[in-house]
Amino acid sequence: MATKPISMSKLHSILRLKYSAKLSHREIARSLNISPGTVANYVKKANELGFNQWPIPEEQQQSSFLNTKLRRFSTRKKKYPTPDWLSINEDLKQHKLLTLQLVFDELLEKVGEPYYSYSHFCRAYKQWLGTQRLSMRQQHKGGEKLFVDYCGPTITITCPTTQEKRTAQVFVAVLGASNYTYAEATYSQQLEDWVMSHARCFEFLGGVPDVVIPDNLRSAVSKTCRYEPDLNPTYHQLAEYFNVAVIPARPYKPKDKSKAEVGVQIVERWIMARLRHQTFYSLAQLNHEIAKLLGVMNNKVMKQYQQSRKELFEQVDKNSLKPLPEQPYQYTQIKTVRVHIDYHVEIEKHYYSVPHQWVKKQLRAHITNQLVQLYHHDTLIAQHPRSNRLGGHTTQTHHMPKAHQKQHEQSPINLRSWALSIGDYTHQVIELLLNRKRHPEQAYRSCLGVLSLAKTYSTQRLEQACYRAISMNTTTLRSIKQILIKGLDQQPLPTQQTELEKPVKHINIRGTDYYH
């Protein structure tokens, strides 16, 4: 069958670009949106007829002349054998490194004669895909994508002692190529549950996919955007640890997460529906039942594939997954912290030191159950064992300025001297504050806060307030400040120990309970 002749303008353009611009056949084809073969055929015919220069001589520029000589030139399509598209599609799914270009090259070698162009081959493959089932249109290579989401319905867990009821969320993960599914229950969709469900899923699969595709829920994405959503820092750290890319599904694009939605629907109907009449008394008991039904579901033959999810996983996904890290994953909370003036950062009411050069700077804290690491961008600044002691300090001496290190013993002396200049009771309070801390520097702020009250209320009132604080055993900066604010330092104070032990009833005396 003859091909449709090209237009006169394109014919002129071929000759101009060939003989004037000196472009290659492939460059001409890209410029004019035609195949390189068409360009080659017309150039060859033009050479045979003497059209081998630009501009064309005037006597040969007439449209009728060119039409007669060139435009009616045509080629005939050769009928080539139709490729086995189904076999090609299966090969592309099983072998991640395989490309259509390589398949085309191998096909050329097999045919052993000129074949139609690569672009024609790609169009034909795309047309074939369009004739398949809708569920096959989104092609997934083995080990490439894992889709994750939560089921909508929840499962109730009852406390066996109090009969208090809690709801459990069901996490679902589906591999794109084989539909192999993982499911488990957690008490929430919060960050720690979300991240640890991923880690347990990778353990279940025995490997790590190239890409994880979550929905835009808050635990995964800090800031939603159609094009560049911001991942939660803790979730991003999980991705870096397992060397997996996270590409959140675009908002209002259900096809991006169709595998997850179908997987969720199957888990709801195949697992959760079967558990609706059971009563669960612990999360472990619930997950045990989910695991049993999940095994049955993954081994059930799917009608459209005539194979089970487990069989497809073994054939397509298993060998394509990346290996797991050598060490098990530890949940790592990541948060931004600011360095205080005393070169410490606060993490859950405990204070950790950093090099003094970072005062007033923002750092990124990586927090596990055993360790606290502090980073500036990607540089590790400080590292400490995790401590749960509320109000405590973990300080490394080399983090202090040199002046602080040299005056490590002198500074407490100066504070004591200042306190003595005010009075004995003030000195006792400062001594108590300094002795409470492992490093005296950790008490500097409290000591300075107490001593500075003399500027506001006078040294006499501060001394009286410290006496009352010692009498009531409430020697903290807050207590002393409250005594001065309320004028309690000016109230009569007991002078004998026996009077201290005996409560006195008076309208102006509140008693020790007032300060607690």
Foldseek 3Di string as FASTA:
>chain_A
DWDQFDDPVLLQQLLCCVAPVVDQLCVSCVVVVHDSVVSVVQQVQCVVVVSNHPPDDPVCPDPVNCCVRGRVDTDDDDDDDDDPLVVVLVVCQQDVPDDLVVVVVVVCVVVVDDDDDSVVVVVVSLVVLVPDDPLCNDRHHALAEKEKDKADDWDWAAAPPPRDIATWIKIKIAHSHLRQIDIAIDRDCAQVVVLVVVLVVCVVLQFHGQEYEYECDCSAFVAADQPDTHGDPLNVVSCVQRVHHYDYHGPPPCVSRVSHVVRSVCCCVQQVVVCVPPHHHDRVVVRVSSVVSSVVQQQDQDPVVRGGSVVSCVRTHNVVGHHGDPDRDFRWDKDKWFQACLQWTDDQQETEHFANVRHRHIWMWIDTQFKIWTHDVNHTTDIDTDDPDHNAYDYDLNSDPPVCNVCQPVVLVVLLVLQVVLHDLSSVLSVVQQVVHPGSSSSVVFSVLLSCVCVVQNSVLSSLLSVVCVLLVNSGSVSSVVCVVVVVSVDDDDDDPVCSVDDDDDPPDDDSVVSD
